[in-house]
Amino acid sequence: RLSCAVSGIMFRIGNMAWYREAPGRERELVASITSGD
């Protein structure tokens, strides 16, 4: 289970996504989740 935590003040998180990059491969989109889930 991977986690990505965002901290700070005066902001709101919108769309979020996970990418992956294997050796010798292009970075690819794995999953995404919008602000509306």
Full PDB file with SEQRES, HELIX, SHEET, SSBOND, CRYST1, ORIGX, SCALE, CONECT and MASTER records, all heavy atoms in Angstrom:
SEQRES   1 A   37  ARG LEU SER CYS ALA VAL SER GLY ILE MET PHE ARG ILE          
SEQRES   2 A   37  GLY ASN MET ALA TRP TYR ARG GLU ALA PRO GLY ARG GLU          
SEQRES   3 A   37  ARG GLU LEU VAL ALA SER ILE THR SER GLY ASP                  
SHEET    1 AA1 2 MET A  16  ARG A  20  0                                        
SHEET    2 AA1 2 GLU A  28  ILE A  33 -1                                        
CRYST1    1.000    1.000    1.000  90.00  90.00  90.00 P 1           1          
ORIGX1      1.000000  0.000000  0.000000        0.00000                         
ORIGX2      0.000000  1.000000  0.000000        0.00000                         
ORIGX3      0.000000  0.000000  1.000000        0.00000                         
SCALE1      1.000000  0.000000  0.000000        0.00000                         
SCALE2      0.000000  1.000000  0.000000        0.00000                         
SCALE3      0.000000  0.000000  1.000000        0.00000                         
ATOM      1  N   ARG A   1       0.853  -1.180   0.000  1.00  0.00           N  
ATOM      2  CA  ARG A   1       0.000   0.000   0.000  1.00  0.00           C  
ATOM      3  C   ARG A   1       0.892   1.234   0.000  1.00  0.00           C  
ATOM      4  O   ARG A   1       1.653   1.450   0.940  1.00  0.00           O  
ATOM      5  CB  ARG A   1      -0.920   0.013   1.219  1.00  0.00           C  
ATOM      6  CG  ARG A   1      -1.936   1.158   1.217  1.00  0.00           C  
ATOM      7  CD  ARG A   1      -2.881   1.054   2.408  1.00  0.00           C  
ATOM      8  NE  ARG A   1      -3.857   2.134   2.447  1.00  0.00           N  
ATOM      9  CZ  ARG A   1      -5.016   2.123   1.822  1.00  0.00           C  
ATOM     10  NH1 ARG A   1      -5.367   1.060   1.090  1.00  0.00           N  
ATOM     11  NH2 ARG A   1      -5.847   3.152   1.916  1.00  0.00           N  
ATOM     12  N   LEU A   2       0.782   2.021  -1.042  1.00  0.00           N  
ATOM     13  CA  LEU A   2       1.531   3.250  -1.156  1.00  0.00           C  
ATOM     14  C   LEU A   2       0.697   4.417  -0.642  1.00  0.00           C  
ATOM     15  O   LEU A   2      -0.524   4.426  -0.772  1.00  0.00           O  
ATOM     16  CB  LEU A   2       1.938   3.515  -2.603  1.00  0.00           C  
ATOM     17  CG  LEU A   2       2.696   2.403  -3.329  1.00  0.00           C  
ATOM     18  CD1 LEU A   2       3.098   2.870  -4.721  1.00  0.00           C  
ATOM     19  CD2 LEU A   2       3.923   1.977  -2.535  1.00  0.00           C  
ATOM     20  N   SER A   3       1.382   5.388  -0.078  1.00  0.00           N  
ATOM     21  CA  SER A   3       0.710   6.557   0.446  1.00  0.00           C  
ATOM     22  C   SER A   3       1.402   7.819  -0.043  1.00  0.00           C  
ATOM     23  O   SER A   3       2.628   7.856  -0.172  1.00  0.00           O  
ATOM     24  CB  SER A   3       0.694   6.524   1.975  1.00  0.00           C  
ATOM     25  OG  SER A   3       0.061   7.669   2.511  1.00  0.00           O  
ATOM     26  N   CYS A   4       0.620   8.831  -0.296  1.00  0.00           N  
ATOM     27  CA  CYS A   4       1.133  10.131  -0.717  1.00  0.00           C  
ATOM     28  C   CYS A   4       0.429  11.183   0.122  1.00  0.00           C  
ATOM     29  O   CYS A   4      -0.780  11.402  -0.030  1.00  0.00           O  
ATOM     30  CB  CYS A   4       0.875  10.343  -2.209  1.00  0.00           C  
ATOM     31  SG  CYS A   4       1.450  11.922  -2.856  1.00  0.00           S  
ATOM     32  N   ALA A   5       1.177  11.815   1.000  1.00  0.00           N  
ATOM     33  CA  ALA A   5       0.611  12.800   1.912  1.00  0.00           C  
ATOM     34  C   ALA A   5       1.013  14.216   1.512  1.00  0.00           C  
ATOM     35  O   ALA A   5       2.178  14.481   1.220  1.00  0.00           O  
ATOM     36  CB  ALA A   5       1.065  12.516   3.344  1.00  0.00           C  
ATOM     37  N   VAL A   6       0.047  15.105   1.527  1.00  0.00           N  
ATOM     38  CA  VAL A   6       0.275  16.500   1.172  1.00  0.00           C  
ATOM     39  C   VAL A   6       0.050  17.352   2.405  1.00  0.00           C  
ATOM     40  O   VAL A   6      -0.998  17.267   3.050  1.00  0.00           O  
ATOM     41  CB  VAL A   6      -0.661  16.959   0.042  1.00  0.00           C  
ATOM     42  CG1 VAL A   6      -0.338  18.391  -0.369  1.00  0.00           C  
ATOM     43  CG2 VAL A   6      -0.565  16.022  -1.146  1.00  0.00           C  
ATOM     44  N   SER A   7       1.014  18.174   2.739  1.00  0.00           N  
ATOM     45  CA  SER A   7       0.905  19.025   3.911  1.00  0.00           C  
ATOM     46  C   SER A   7       1.152  20.479   3.542  1.00  0.00           C  
ATOM     47  O   SER A   7       1.761  20.785   2.516  1.00  0.00           O  
ATOM     48  CB  SER A   7       1.897  18.591   4.992  1.00  0.00           C  
ATOM     49  OG  SER A   7       3.234  18.737   4.551  1.00  0.00           O  
ATOM     50  N   GLY A   8       0.679  21.361   4.408  1.00  0.00           N  
ATOM     51  CA  GLY A   8       0.842  22.778   4.185  1.00  0.00           C  
ATOM     52  C   GLY A   8      -0.401  23.521   4.618  1.00  0.00           C  
ATOM     53  O   GLY A   8      -1.267  22.975   5.311  1.00  0.00           O  
ATOM     54  N   ILE A   9      -0.495  24.766   4.225  1.00  0.00           N  
ATOM     55  CA  ILE A   9      -1.646  25.581   4.581  1.00  0.00           C  
ATOM     56  C   ILE A   9      -2.157  26.313   3.352  1.00  0.00           C  
ATOM     57  O   ILE A   9      -1.445  26.479   2.359  1.00  0.00           O  
ATOM     58  CB  ILE A   9      -1.304  26.604   5.692  1.00  0.00           C  
ATOM     59  CG1 ILE A   9      -0.176  27.539   5.242  1.00  0.00           C  
ATOM     60  CG2 ILE A   9      -0.928  25.880   6.973  1.00  0.00           C  
ATOM     61  CD1 ILE A   9       0.104  28.658   6.210  1.00  0.00           C  
ATOM     62  N   MET A  10      -3.405  26.743   3.436  1.00  0.00           N  
ATOM     63  CA  MET A  10      -4.022  27.568   2.405  1.00  0.00           C  
ATOM     64  C   MET A  10      -4.036  26.889   1.037  1.00  0.00           C  
ATOM     65  O   MET A  10      -3.654  27.482   0.022  1.00  0.00           O  
ATOM     66  CB  MET A  10      -3.303  28.922   2.310  1.00  0.00           C  
ATOM     67  CG  MET A  10      -3.402  29.775   3.576  1.00  0.00           C  
ATOM     68  SD  MET A  10      -5.080  30.357   3.920  1.00  0.00           S  
ATOM     69  CE  MET A  10      -5.598  29.191   5.190  1.00  0.00           C  
ATOM     70  N   PHE A  11      -4.478  25.652   1.014  1.00  0.00           N  
ATOM     71  CA  PHE A  11      -4.598  24.944  -0.244  1.00  0.00           C  
ATOM     72  C   PHE A  11      -5.703  23.906  -0.179  1.00  0.00           C  
ATOM     73  O   PHE A  11      -6.166  23.513   0.895  1.00  0.00           O  
ATOM     74  CB  PHE A  11      -3.271  24.274  -0.625  1.00  0.00           C  
ATOM     75  CG  PHE A  11      -2.934  23.072   0.207  1.00  0.00           C  
ATOM     76  CD1 PHE A  11      -3.336  21.805  -0.199  1.00  0.00           C  
ATOM     77  CD2 PHE A  11      -2.219  23.194   1.381  1.00  0.00           C  
ATOM     78  CE1 PHE A  11      -3.031  20.685   0.555  1.00  0.00           C  
ATOM     79  CE2 PHE A  11      -1.911  22.081   2.147  1.00  0.00           C  
ATOM     80  CZ  PHE A  11      -2.318  20.830   1.738  1.00  0.00           C  
ATOM     81  N   ARG A  12      -6.117  23.461  -1.348  1.00  0.00           N  
ATOM     82  CA  ARG A  12      -7.093  22.386  -1.468  1.00  0.00           C  
ATOM     83  C   ARG A  12      -6.612  21.436  -2.550  1.00  0.00           C  
ATOM     84  O   ARG A  12      -6.202  21.870  -3.623  1.00  0.00           O  
ATOM     85  CB  ARG A  12      -8.478  22.942  -1.810  1.00  0.00           C  
ATOM     86  CG  ARG A  12      -9.537  21.873  -2.076  1.00  0.00           C  
ATOM     87  CD  ARG A  12     -10.912  22.498  -2.196  1.00  0.00           C  
ATOM     88  NE  ARG A  12     -10.968  23.524  -3.227  1.00  0.00           N  
ATOM     89  CZ  ARG A  12     -11.167  23.291  -4.517  1.00  0.00           C  
ATOM     90  NH1 ARG A  12     -11.336  22.043  -4.948  1.00  0.00           N  
ATOM     91  NH2 ARG A  12     -11.210  24.294  -5.380  1.00  0.00           N  
ATOM     92  N   ILE A  13      -6.669  20.155  -2.279  1.00  0.00           N  
ATOM     93  CA  ILE A  13      -6.192  19.156  -3.215  1.00  0.00           C  
ATOM     94  C   ILE A  13      -7.246  18.859  -4.274  1.00  0.00           C  
ATOM     95  O   ILE A  13      -8.416  18.647  -3.961  1.00  0.00           O  
ATOM     96  CB  ILE A  13      -5.805  17.857  -2.495  1.00  0.00           C  
ATOM     97  CG1 ILE A  13      -4.675  18.126  -1.499  1.00  0.00           C  
ATOM     98  CG2 ILE A  13      -5.383  16.785  -3.492  1.00  0.00           C  
ATOM     99  CD1 ILE A  13      -4.313  16.925  -0.661  1.00  0.00           C  
ATOM    100  N   GLY A  14      -6.810  18.846  -5.518  1.00  0.00           N  
ATOM    101  CA  GLY A  14      -7.692  18.501  -6.617  1.00  0.00           C  
ATOM    102  C   GLY A  14      -7.466  17.072  -7.061  1.00  0.00           C  
ATOM    103  O   GLY A  14      -7.504  16.137  -6.261  1.00  0.00           O  
ATOM    104  N   ASN A  15      -7.221  16.892  -8.348  1.00  0.00           N  
ATOM    105  CA  ASN A  15      -6.985  15.554  -8.877  1.00  0.00           C  
ATOM    106  C   ASN A  15      -5.651  14.998  -8.391  1.00  0.00           C  
ATOM    107  O   ASN A  15      -4.679  15.737  -8.214  1.00  0.00           O  
ATOM    108  CB  ASN A  15      -6.999  15.571 -10.402  1.00  0.00           C  
ATOM    109  CG  ASN A  15      -8.337  15.994 -10.965  1.00  0.00           C  
ATOM    110  OD1 ASN A  15      -9.366  15.887 -10.298  1.00  0.00           O  
ATOM    111  ND2 ASN A  15      -8.332  16.469 -12.204  1.00  0.00           N  
ATOM    112  N   MET A  16      -5.604  13.691  -8.195  1.00  0.00           N  
ATOM    113  CA  MET A  16      -4.391  13.019  -7.774  1.00  0.00           C  
ATOM    114  C   MET A  16      -4.187  11.798  -8.664  1.00  0.00           C  
ATOM    115  O   MET A  16      -5.152  11.222  -9.167  1.00  0.00           O  
ATOM    116  CB  MET A  16      -4.472  12.601  -6.303  1.00  0.00           C  
ATOM    117  CG  MET A  16      -4.869  13.722  -5.361  1.00  0.00           C  
ATOM    118  SD  MET A  16      -4.990  13.208  -3.627  1.00  0.00           S  
ATOM    119  CE  MET A  16      -3.260  13.293  -3.146  1.00  0.00           C  
ATOM    120  N   ALA A  17      -2.934  11.410  -8.840  1.00  0.00           N  
ATOM    121  CA  ALA A  17      -2.635  10.287  -9.719  1.00  0.00           C  
ATOM    122  C   ALA A  17      -1.360   9.585  -9.295  1.00  0.00           C  
ATOM    123  O   ALA A  17      -0.522  10.145  -8.592  1.00  0.00           O  
ATOM    124  CB  ALA A  17      -2.516  10.760 -11.166  1.00  0.00           C  
ATOM    125  N   TRP A  18      -1.236   8.349  -9.745  1.00  0.00           N  
ATOM    126  CA  TRP A  18      -0.034   7.564  -9.550  1.00  0.00           C  
ATOM    127  C   TRP A  18       0.559   7.203 -10.903  1.00  0.00           C  
ATOM    128  O   TRP A  18      -0.160   6.736 -11.797  1.00  0.00           O  
ATOM    129  CB  TRP A  18      -0.321   6.279  -8.771  1.00  0.00           C  
ATOM    130  CG  TRP A  18      -0.624   6.497  -7.329  1.00  0.00           C  
ATOM    131  CD1 TRP A  18      -1.854   6.571  -6.751  1.00  0.00           C  
ATOM    132  CD2 TRP A  18       0.325   6.648  -6.274  1.00  0.00           C  
ATOM    133  NE1 TRP A  18      -1.733   6.771  -5.399  1.00  0.00           N  
ATOM    134  CE2 TRP A  18      -0.411   6.823  -5.083  1.00  0.00           C  
ATOM    135  CE3 TRP A  18       1.715   6.662  -6.216  1.00  0.00           C  
ATOM    136  CZ2 TRP A  18       0.212   6.999  -3.846  1.00  0.00           C  
ATOM    137  CZ3 TRP A  18       2.326   6.853  -4.998  1.00  0.00           C  
ATOM    138  CH2 TRP A  18       1.577   7.017  -3.830  1.00  0.00           C  
ATOM    139  N   TYR A  19       1.848   7.426 -11.041  1.00  0.00           N  
ATOM    140  CA  TYR A  19       2.601   7.035 -12.212  1.00  0.00           C  
ATOM    141  C   TYR A  19       3.686   6.057 -11.792  1.00  0.00           C  
ATOM    142  O   TYR A  19       4.046   5.977 -10.615  1.00  0.00           O  
ATOM    143  CB  TYR A  19       3.268   8.248 -12.876  1.00  0.00           C  
ATOM    144  CG  TYR A  19       2.314   9.220 -13.532  1.00  0.00           C  
ATOM    145  CD1 TYR A  19       1.577  10.125 -12.783  1.00  0.00           C  
ATOM    146  CD2 TYR A  19       2.172   9.247 -14.924  1.00  0.00           C  
ATOM    147  CE1 TYR A  19       0.717  11.026 -13.382  1.00  0.00           C  
ATOM    148  CE2 TYR A  19       1.322  10.148 -15.536  1.00  0.00           C  
ATOM    149  CZ  TYR A  19       0.595  11.035 -14.760  1.00  0.00           C  
ATOM    150  OH  TYR A  19      -0.249  11.936 -15.367  1.00  0.00           O  
ATOM    151  N   ARG A  20       4.215   5.323 -12.748  1.00  0.00           N  
ATOM    152  CA  ARG A  20       5.347   4.467 -12.457  1.00  0.00           C  
ATOM    153  C   ARG A  20       6.331   4.489 -13.618  1.00  0.00           C  
ATOM    154  O   ARG A  20       5.953   4.708 -14.764  1.00  0.00           O  
ATOM    155  CB  ARG A  20       4.914   3.031 -12.159  1.00  0.00           C  
ATOM    156  CG  ARG A  20       4.333   2.259 -13.334  1.00  0.00           C  
ATOM    157  CD  ARG A  20       3.841   0.898 -12.865  1.00  0.00           C  
ATOM    158  NE  ARG A  20       3.283   0.114 -13.957  1.00  0.00           N  
ATOM    159  CZ  ARG A  20       2.661  -1.049 -13.781  1.00  0.00           C  
ATOM    160  NH1 ARG A  20       2.517  -1.556 -12.555  1.00  0.00           N  
ATOM    161  NH2 ARG A  20       2.182  -1.707 -14.830  1.00  0.00           N  
ATOM    162  N   GLU A  21       7.585   4.266 -13.281  1.00  0.00           N  
ATOM    163  CA  GLU A  21       8.651   4.274 -14.261  1.00  0.00           C  
ATOM    164  C   GLU A  21       9.569   3.093 -14.007  1.00  0.00           C  
ATOM    165  O   GLU A  21      10.277   3.049 -13.006  1.00  0.00           O  
ATOM    166  CB  GLU A  21       9.422   5.595 -14.186  1.00  0.00           C  
ATOM    167  CG  GLU A  21      10.457   5.769 -15.273  1.00  0.00           C  
ATOM    168  CD  GLU A  21      11.061   7.157 -15.260  1.00  0.00           C  
ATOM    169  OE1 GLU A  21      10.456   8.073 -14.676  1.00  0.00           O  
ATOM    170  OE2 GLU A  21      12.149   7.331 -15.838  1.00  0.00           O  
ATOM    171  N   ALA A  22       9.542   2.131 -14.916  1.00  0.00           N  
ATOM    172  CA  ALA A  22      10.406   0.966 -14.833  1.00  0.00           C  
ATOM    173  C   ALA A  22      11.702   1.252 -15.582  1.00  0.00           C  
ATOM    174  O   ALA A  22      11.737   2.116 -16.467  1.00  0.00           O  
ATOM    175  CB  ALA A  22       9.705  -0.253 -15.419  1.00  0.00           C  
ATOM    176  N   PRO A  23      12.781   0.548 -15.253  1.00  0.00           N  
ATOM    177  CA  PRO A  23      14.055   0.762 -15.941  1.00  0.00           C  
ATOM    178  C   PRO A  23      13.920   0.609 -17.454  1.00  0.00           C  
ATOM    179  O   PRO A  23      13.385  -0.388 -17.937  1.00  0.00           O  
ATOM    180  CB  PRO A  23      14.951  -0.324 -15.357  1.00  0.00           C  
ATOM    181  CG  PRO A  23      14.381  -0.588 -14.005  1.00  0.00           C  
ATOM    182  CD  PRO A  23      12.892  -0.462 -14.183  1.00  0.00           C  
ATOM    183  N   GLY A  24      14.383   1.606 -18.184  1.00  0.00           N  
ATOM    184  CA  GLY A  24      14.323   1.561 -19.628  1.00  0.00           C  
ATOM    185  C   GLY A  24      12.948   1.778 -20.220  1.00  0.00           C  
ATOM    186  O   GLY A  24      12.771   1.646 -21.430  1.00  0.00           O  
ATOM    187  N   ARG A  25      11.987   2.121 -19.396  1.00  0.00           N  
ATOM    188  CA  ARG A  25      10.621   2.320 -19.856  1.00  0.00           C  
ATOM    189  C   ARG A  25      10.183   3.768 -19.636  1.00  0.00           C  
ATOM    190  O   ARG A  25      10.749   4.485 -18.809  1.00  0.00           O  
ATOM    191  CB  ARG A  25       9.659   1.392 -19.115  1.00  0.00           C  
ATOM    192  CG  ARG A  25      10.002  -0.098 -19.208  1.00  0.00           C  
ATOM    193  CD  ARG A  25       9.152  -0.786 -20.235  1.00  0.00           C  
ATOM    194  NE  ARG A  25       7.747  -0.782 -19.831  1.00  0.00           N  
ATOM    195  CZ  ARG A  25       7.181  -1.687 -19.033  1.00  0.00           C  
ATOM    196  NH1 ARG A  25       7.902  -2.678 -18.532  1.00  0.00           N  
ATOM    197  NH2 ARG A  25       5.896  -1.608 -18.739  1.00  0.00           N  
ATOM    198  N   GLU A  26       9.190   4.179 -20.388  1.00  0.00           N  
ATOM    199  CA  GLU A  26       8.633   5.514 -20.214  1.00  0.00           C  
ATOM    200  C   GLU A  26       7.731   5.546 -18.987  1.00  0.00           C  
ATOM    201  O   GLU A  26       7.119   4.540 -18.618  1.00  0.00           O  
ATOM    202  CB  GLU A  26       7.837   5.919 -21.452  1.00  0.00           C  
ATOM    203  CG  GLU A  26       8.655   6.036 -22.732  1.00  0.00           C  
ATOM    204  CD  GLU A  26       9.636   7.175 -22.670  1.00  0.00           C  
ATOM    205  OE1 GLU A  26       9.252   8.249 -22.170  1.00  0.00           O  
ATOM    206  OE2 GLU A  26      10.778   6.988 -23.112  1.00  0.00           O  
ATOM    207  N   ARG A  27       7.670   6.695 -18.362  1.00  0.00           N  
ATOM    208  CA  ARG A  27       6.769   6.859 -17.237  1.00  0.00           C  
ATOM    209  C   ARG A  27       5.323   6.717 -17.720  1.00  0.00           C  
ATOM    210  O   ARG A  27       4.937   7.306 -18.733  1.00  0.00           O  
ATOM    211  CB  ARG A  27       6.973   8.227 -16.578  1.00  0.00           C  
ATOM    212  CG  ARG A  27       6.154   8.430 -15.314  1.00  0.00           C  
ATOM    213  CD  ARG A  27       6.514   9.726 -14.604  1.00  0.00           C  
ATOM    214  NE  ARG A  27       7.906   9.739 -14.172  1.00  0.00           N  
ATOM    215  CZ  ARG A  27       8.439  10.687 -13.416  1.00  0.00           C  
ATOM    216  NH1 ARG A  27       7.692  11.698 -13.000  1.00  0.00           N  
ATOM    217  NH2 ARG A  27       9.717  10.625 -13.083  1.00  0.00           N  
ATOM    218  N   GLU A  28       4.545   5.925 -17.013  1.00  0.00           N  
ATOM    219  CA  GLU A  28       3.175   5.673 -17.422  1.00  0.00           C  
ATOM    220  C   GLU A  28       2.194   5.946 -16.289  1.00  0.00           C  
ATOM    221  O   GLU A  28       2.512   5.798 -15.112  1.00  0.00           O  
ATOM    222  CB  GLU A  28       3.012   4.217 -17.898  1.00  0.00           C  
ATOM    223  CG  GLU A  28       3.241   3.177 -16.812  1.00  0.00           C  
ATOM    224  CD  GLU A  28       2.954   1.758 -17.269  1.00  0.00           C  
ATOM    225  OE1 GLU A  28       2.340   1.583 -18.343  1.00  0.00           O  
ATOM    226  OE2 GLU A  28       3.346   0.814 -16.549  1.00  0.00           O  
ATOM    227  N   LEU A  29       1.006   6.331 -16.679  1.00  0.00           N  
ATOM    228  CA  LEU A  29      -0.064   6.568 -15.720  1.00  0.00           C  
ATOM    229  C   LEU A  29      -0.626   5.238 -15.258  1.00  0.00           C  
ATOM    230  O   LEU A  29      -1.032   4.410 -16.072  1.00  0.00           O  
ATOM    231  CB  LEU A  29      -1.156   7.424 -16.346  1.00  0.00           C  
ATOM    232  CG  LEU A  29      -2.392   7.709 -15.486  1.00  0.00           C  
ATOM    233  CD1 LEU A  29      -2.016   8.533 -14.265  1.00  0.00           C  
ATOM    234  CD2 LEU A  29      -3.452   8.439 -16.310  1.00  0.00           C  
ATOM    235  N   VAL A  30      -0.675   5.041 -13.953  1.00  0.00           N  
ATOM    236  CA  VAL A  30      -1.173   3.806 -13.366  1.00  0.00           C  
ATOM    237  C   VAL A  30      -2.612   3.959 -12.898  1.00  0.00           C  
ATOM    238  O   VAL A  30      -3.465   3.113 -13.168  1.00  0.00           O  
ATOM    239  CB  VAL A  30      -0.287   3.359 -12.191  1.00  0.00           C  
ATOM    240  CG1 VAL A  30      -0.853   2.104 -11.534  1.00  0.00           C  
ATOM    241  CG2 VAL A  30       1.133   3.110 -12.668  1.00  0.00           C  
ATOM    242  N   ALA A  31      -2.875   5.013 -12.163  1.00  0.00           N  
ATOM    243  CA  ALA A  31      -4.197   5.242 -11.609  1.00  0.00           C  
ATOM    244  C   ALA A  31      -4.399   6.719 -11.346  1.00  0.00           C  
ATOM    245  O   ALA A  31      -3.447   7.458 -11.142  1.00  0.00           O  
ATOM    246  CB  ALA A  31      -4.386   4.448 -10.314  1.00  0.00           C  
ATOM    247  N   SER A  32      -5.639   7.137 -11.343  1.00  0.00           N  
ATOM    248  CA  SER A  32      -5.963   8.517 -11.032  1.00  0.00           C  
ATOM    249  C   SER A  32      -7.258   8.566 -10.249  1.00  0.00           C  
ATOM    250  O   SER A  32      -8.096   7.666 -10.341  1.00  0.00           O  
ATOM    251  CB  SER A  32      -6.075   9.367 -12.305  1.00  0.00           C  
ATOM    252  OG  SER A  32      -7.144   8.926 -13.118  1.00  0.00           O  
ATOM    253  N   ILE A  33      -7.406   9.627  -9.482  1.00  0.00           N  
ATOM    254  CA  ILE A  33      -8.633   9.837  -8.724  1.00  0.00           C  
ATOM    255  C   ILE A  33      -8.893  11.328  -8.670  1.00  0.00           C  
ATOM    256  O   ILE A  33      -8.020  12.117  -8.311  1.00  0.00           O  
ATOM    257  CB  ILE A  33      -8.540   9.213  -7.309  1.00  0.00           C  
ATOM    258  CG1 ILE A  33      -9.849   9.422  -6.543  1.00  0.00           C  
ATOM    259  CG2 ILE A  33      -7.347   9.763  -6.536  1.00  0.00           C  
ATOM    260  CD1 ILE A  33      -9.932   8.587  -5.280  1.00  0.00           C  
ATOM    261  N   THR A  34     -10.089  11.720  -9.049  1.00  0.00           N  
ATOM    262  CA  THR A  34     -10.444  13.123  -9.094  1.00  0.00           C  
ATOM    263  C   THR A  34     -10.888  13.610  -7.725  1.00  0.00           C  
ATOM    264  O   THR A  34     -11.044  12.840  -6.784  1.00  0.00           O  
ATOM    265  CB  THR A  34     -11.557  13.381 -10.105  1.00  0.00           C  
ATOM    266  OG1 THR A  34     -12.776  12.789  -9.631  1.00  0.00           O  
ATOM    267  CG2 THR A  34     -11.210  12.786 -11.466  1.00  0.00           C  
ATOM    268  N   SER A  35     -11.107  14.911  -7.634  1.00  0.00           N  
ATOM    269  CA  SER A  35     -11.591  15.487  -6.390  1.00  0.00           C  
ATOM    270  C   SER A  35     -12.978  14.973  -6.034  1.00  0.00           C  
ATOM    271  O   SER A  35     -13.383  15.036  -4.878  1.00  0.00           O  
ATOM    272  CB  SER A  35     -11.617  17.016  -6.488  1.00  0.00           C  
ATOM    273  OG  SER A  35     -12.441  17.449  -7.560  1.00  0.00           O  
ATOM    274  N   GLY A  36     -13.692  14.449  -7.027  1.00  0.00           N  
ATOM    275  CA  GLY A  36     -15.003  13.863  -6.805  1.00  0.00           C  
ATOM    276  C   GLY A  36     -14.965  12.355  -6.644  1.00  0.00           C  
ATOM    277  O   GLY A  36     -16.005  11.702  -6.724  1.00  0.00           O  
ATOM    278  N   ASP A  37     -13.780  11.794  -6.444  1.00  0.00           N  
ATOM    279  CA  ASP A  37     -13.569  10.364  -6.197  1.00  0.00           C  
ATOM    280  C   ASP A  37     -13.853   9.490  -7.412  1.00  0.00           C  
ATOM    281  O   ASP A  37     -14.148   8.297  -7.269  1.00  0.00           O  
ATOM    282  CB  ASP A  37     -14.393   9.874  -5.014  1.00  0.00           C  
ATOM    283  CG  ASP A  37     -13.876  10.368  -3.686  1.00  0.00           C  
ATOM    284  OD1 ASP A  37     -12.694  10.760  -3.615  1.00  0.00           O  
ATOM    285  OD2 ASP A  37     -14.650  10.362  -2.711  1.00  0.00           O  
TER     286      ASP A  37                                                      
MASTER        0    0    0    0    2    0    0    6  285    1    0    3          
END                                                                             
